[in-house]
Amino acid sequence: PSPNTYAIGARVTITQGLTTWTRTQNAGGTSFGSTNAPEVHFGFGSLERVDTVTVMWPDGEVSELHDIDTRQVLHITRD
C-alpha cells in the first residue's frame, strides 16, 4: 500500500525441494548514478516449476503461492 508501492524491503523466498533462493526488494542502485528496476529477479535455468513463492512484506505480513511455473513475470499484490 501507499506510500511504499514498490514494496521496498520485501523479502521474496522461493523453494524447490530442498533448495531455497532469497532476494530483497531494494530501492535505487548499488553505486552512485546507478538504478535498479523495481522488481526482484530469479534465474532458474532449465527448472520449469517451483514449489513455493513466499513474500514477507515490509510490515511483516506474508503472502504465499504454491506450484508456480517459471519463465514468467509474476505481479504479486498484497491481499
Protein backbone atom coordinates (compact mmCIF):
# COMPACT_ATOMS: atom_id res chain seq x y z
CA PRO A 1 0.00 0.00 0.00
CA SER A 2 0.91 3.65 -0.35
CA PRO A 3 3.44 5.20 0.16
CA ASN A 4 5.62 2.06 -0.36
CA THR A 5 4.00 0.98 -3.64
CA TYR A 6 7.16 -0.87 -4.82
CA ALA A 7 7.31 -2.91 -1.58
CA ILE A 8 10.84 -1.74 -0.80
CA GLY A 9 12.17 -4.03 1.91
CA ALA A 10 10.00 -7.03 0.99
CA ARG A 11 11.83 -10.36 1.11
CA VAL A 12 10.97 -12.96 -1.54
CA THR A 13 11.88 -16.60 -0.86
CA ILE A 14 11.44 -19.37 -3.41
CA THR A 15 11.74 -23.05 -2.59
CA GLN A 16 12.02 -26.10 -4.81
CA GLY A 17 12.59 -29.31 -2.93
CA LEU A 18 15.49 -28.69 -0.56
CA THR A 19 16.79 -25.63 -2.46
CA THR A 20 15.92 -22.08 -1.37
CA TRP A 21 16.57 -18.74 -3.11
CA THR A 22 16.03 -15.38 -1.37
CA ARG A 23 16.06 -11.81 -2.65
CA THR A 24 15.13 -8.49 -1.05
CA GLN A 25 13.36 -5.69 -2.92
CA ASN A 26 15.77 -2.75 -2.89
CA ALA A 27 15.42 0.88 -3.91
CA GLY A 28 17.83 2.77 -6.12
CA GLY A 29 21.16 1.37 -7.20
CA THR A 30 24.29 -0.14 -5.80
CA SER A 31 26.60 2.74 -6.66
CA PHE A 32 26.47 6.46 -7.42
CA GLY A 33 24.40 7.23 -10.51
CA SER A 34 23.05 3.69 -10.92
CA THR A 35 19.48 2.46 -10.71
CA ASN A 36 17.75 -0.88 -10.42
CA ALA A 37 14.45 -1.95 -11.91
CA PRO A 38 11.69 -2.11 -9.26
CA GLU A 39 11.44 -5.88 -9.39
CA VAL A 40 13.01 -8.98 -7.92
CA HIS A 41 14.54 -11.37 -10.48
CA PHE A 42 15.35 -15.06 -10.16
CA GLY A 43 17.02 -17.19 -12.85
CA PHE A 44 16.24 -20.91 -12.73
CA GLY A 45 17.90 -22.27 -15.87
CA SER A 46 16.02 -25.37 -17.03
CA LEU A 47 13.82 -25.60 -13.91
CA GLU A 48 10.17 -25.45 -15.01
CA ARG A 49 8.31 -25.17 -11.70
CA VAL A 50 8.95 -24.15 -8.11
CA ASP A 51 7.14 -25.39 -5.03
CA THR A 52 6.60 -22.16 -3.14
CA VAL A 53 6.97 -18.39 -3.56
CA THR A 54 6.80 -16.58 -0.22
CA VAL A 55 6.72 -12.80 0.12
CA MET A 56 7.37 -11.25 3.53
CA TRP A 57 6.10 -7.70 3.13
CA PRO A 58 7.84 -4.79 4.89
CA ASP A 59 5.14 -4.69 7.59
CA GLY A 60 5.61 -8.40 8.42
CA GLU A 61 2.56 -9.77 6.57
CA VAL A 62 3.20 -12.89 4.46
CA SER A 63 1.82 -13.98 1.08
CA GLU A 64 2.45 -17.48 -0.24
CA LEU A 65 1.92 -19.01 -3.69
CA HIS A 66 2.30 -22.72 -4.46
CA ASP A 67 3.26 -24.82 -7.50
CA ILE A 68 4.34 -21.90 -9.72
CA ASP A 69 5.65 -22.12 -13.30
CA THR A 70 9.00 -20.48 -14.02
CA ARG A 71 9.74 -18.36 -17.13
CA GLN A 72 7.09 -15.77 -16.35
CA VAL A 73 6.61 -12.41 -14.68
CA LEU A 74 4.51 -12.54 -11.53
CA HIS A 75 2.80 -9.41 -10.26
CA ILE A 76 2.13 -10.15 -6.60
CA THR A 77 -0.05 -7.71 -4.74
CA ARG A 78 -0.76 -7.68 -1.07
CA ASP A 79 -4.14 -9.10 -0.01
